[in-house]
């Protein structure tokens, strides 16, 4: 059986691959945390130089967020498949947000069952 740490690492690697292949570049750092029936993933350094420039103005921040949200919504099924294939659990919900200030993105996946019950 795979350990919690190994699964967290596998999920991090899969999200790096997803970001590179589907969004054009990978994050500088990724950390995954499994918490009961949730998976929290924090990606650092995701904004492109162009997005960083846009985000200097309020209108640009909104635009960057809207585009990033739409890209994830378009790839939602793929992301859910990645998590399902790695965990063996169904994804109940997916939440995400990106900070135009820090260049970080978070994903929260809620699963149908705890991964490592006590």
Protein backbone atom coordinates (compact mmCIF):
# COMPACT_ATOMS: atom_id res chain seq x y z
CA UNK A 1 0.00 0.00 0.00
CA UNK A 2 1.23 3.50 -0.85
CA UNK A 3 2.01 5.85 2.02
CA UNK A 4 0.35 9.21 2.53
CA UNK A 5 3.62 11.01 1.73
CA UNK A 6 4.12 9.03 -1.48
CA UNK A 7 0.56 9.76 -2.62
CA UNK A 8 0.98 13.47 -1.85
CA UNK A 9 4.19 13.46 -3.91
CA UNK A 10 2.51 11.62 -6.80
CA UNK A 11 -0.34 14.14 -6.82
CA UNK A 12 2.14 17.04 -6.80
CA UNK A 13 4.02 15.56 -9.77
CA UNK A 14 0.76 14.98 -11.67
CA UNK A 15 -0.30 18.60 -11.13
CA UNK A 16 3.09 19.87 -12.33
CA UNK A 17 2.66 17.79 -15.50
CA UNK A 18 -0.92 19.04 -15.94
CA UNK A 19 0.12 22.69 -15.58
CA UNK A 20 2.95 22.28 -18.10
CA UNK A 21 0.90 20.41 -20.68
CA UNK A 22 -2.40 22.26 -20.42
CA UNK A 23 -1.53 25.74 -19.19
CA UNK A 24 1.81 26.27 -20.89
CA UNK A 25 4.19 26.30 -17.96
CA UNK A 26 4.73 24.59 -14.68
CA UNK A 27 4.78 26.03 -11.19
CA UNK A 28 8.03 26.72 -9.39
CA UNK A 29 6.91 24.74 -6.35
CA UNK A 30 4.02 22.41 -5.45
CA UNK A 31 2.99 20.99 -2.11
CA UNK A 32 0.09 18.58 -1.60
CA UNK A 33 -1.66 17.89 1.71
CA UNK A 34 -4.14 15.06 2.28
CA UNK A 35 -6.60 15.95 5.04
CA UNK A 36 -9.25 13.28 5.60
CA UNK A 37 -11.48 13.35 2.52
CA UNK A 38 -9.81 16.47 1.09
CA UNK A 39 -6.71 17.10 -0.96
CA UNK A 40 -5.21 20.59 -0.74
CA UNK A 41 -2.63 21.51 -3.36
CA UNK A 42 -0.64 24.74 -3.25
CA UNK A 43 1.25 25.78 -6.37
CA UNK A 44 3.74 28.64 -6.24
CA UNK A 45 5.08 30.68 -9.13
CA UNK A 46 2.34 29.95 -11.65
CA UNK A 47 1.92 33.35 -13.30
CA UNK A 48 3.59 34.04 -16.62
CA UNK A 49 5.56 37.29 -17.01
CA UNK A 50 2.68 38.67 -19.10
CA UNK A 51 0.16 37.82 -16.35
CA UNK A 52 2.41 39.45 -13.76
CA UNK A 53 2.40 42.65 -15.82
CA UNK A 54 -1.38 42.53 -16.27
CA UNK A 55 -1.86 41.98 -12.54
CA UNK A 56 -0.25 45.34 -11.73
CA UNK A 57 -3.59 47.00 -12.54
CA UNK A 58 -6.92 46.09 -10.94
CA UNK A 59 -8.57 45.37 -14.31
CA UNK A 60 -5.68 43.08 -15.18
CA UNK A 61 -6.00 41.18 -11.90
CA UNK A 62 -9.63 40.45 -12.69
CA UNK A 63 -8.76 39.37 -16.23
CA UNK A 64 -5.98 37.03 -15.08
CA UNK A 65 -8.30 35.41 -12.53
CA UNK A 66 -11.11 35.02 -15.06
CA UNK A 67 -8.86 33.41 -17.67
CA UNK A 68 -7.24 31.07 -15.13
CA UNK A 69 -10.64 30.02 -13.76
CA UNK A 70 -11.97 29.34 -17.27
CA UNK A 71 -8.91 27.27 -18.19
CA UNK A 72 -9.44 25.09 -15.12
CA UNK A 73 -13.16 24.77 -15.75
CA UNK A 74 -12.37 23.58 -19.29
CA UNK A 75 -10.00 20.96 -17.81
CA UNK A 76 -12.13 20.01 -14.82
CA UNK A 77 -12.88 16.46 -16.03
CA UNK A 78 -9.19 15.82 -16.69
CA UNK A 79 -8.22 17.06 -13.22
CA UNK A 80 -10.88 14.88 -11.61
CA UNK A 81 -9.63 11.88 -13.62
CA UNK A 82 -6.05 12.53 -12.46
CA UNK A 83 -7.12 12.56 -8.82
CA UNK A 84 -9.43 9.55 -9.24
CA UNK A 85 -6.70 7.51 -10.95
CA UNK A 86 -4.15 8.32 -8.25
CA UNK A 87 -6.42 7.90 -5.23
CA UNK A 88 -9.06 5.40 -6.29
CA UNK A 89 -11.69 7.79 -4.96
CA UNK A 90 -14.37 9.81 -6.74
CA UNK A 91 -14.11 13.58 -6.69
CA UNK A 92 -17.20 15.22 -5.18
CA UNK A 93 -16.10 18.81 -5.73
CA UNK A 94 -13.18 20.90 -6.95
CA UNK A 95 -12.42 24.40 -5.74
CA UNK A 96 -9.61 26.64 -6.96
CA UNK A 97 -8.37 30.19 -6.76
CA UNK A 98 -5.29 32.07 -7.89
CA UNK A 99 -3.61 34.98 -6.15
CA UNK A 100 -2.45 37.68 -8.55
CA UNK A 101 -0.44 39.17 -5.69
CA UNK A 102 1.64 36.12 -4.71
CA UNK A 103 1.41 34.10 -7.93
CA UNK A 104 0.02 31.12 -6.05
CA UNK A 105 -2.88 28.83 -6.91
CA UNK A 106 -4.70 26.47 -4.59
CA UNK A 107 -6.79 23.46 -5.49
CA UNK A 108 -9.07 21.72 -3.04
CA UNK A 109 -10.53 18.37 -4.06
CA UNK A 110 -13.26 16.88 -1.89
CA UNK A 111 -13.49 13.11 -2.21
CA UNK A 112 -16.26 10.59 -1.61
CA UNK A 113 -14.27 8.89 1.18
CA UNK A 114 -11.29 9.52 3.43
CA UNK A 115 -7.99 8.38 1.97
CA UNK A 116 -6.24 7.39 5.18
CA UNK A 117 -8.89 6.83 7.86
CA UNK A 118 -7.63 6.82 11.43
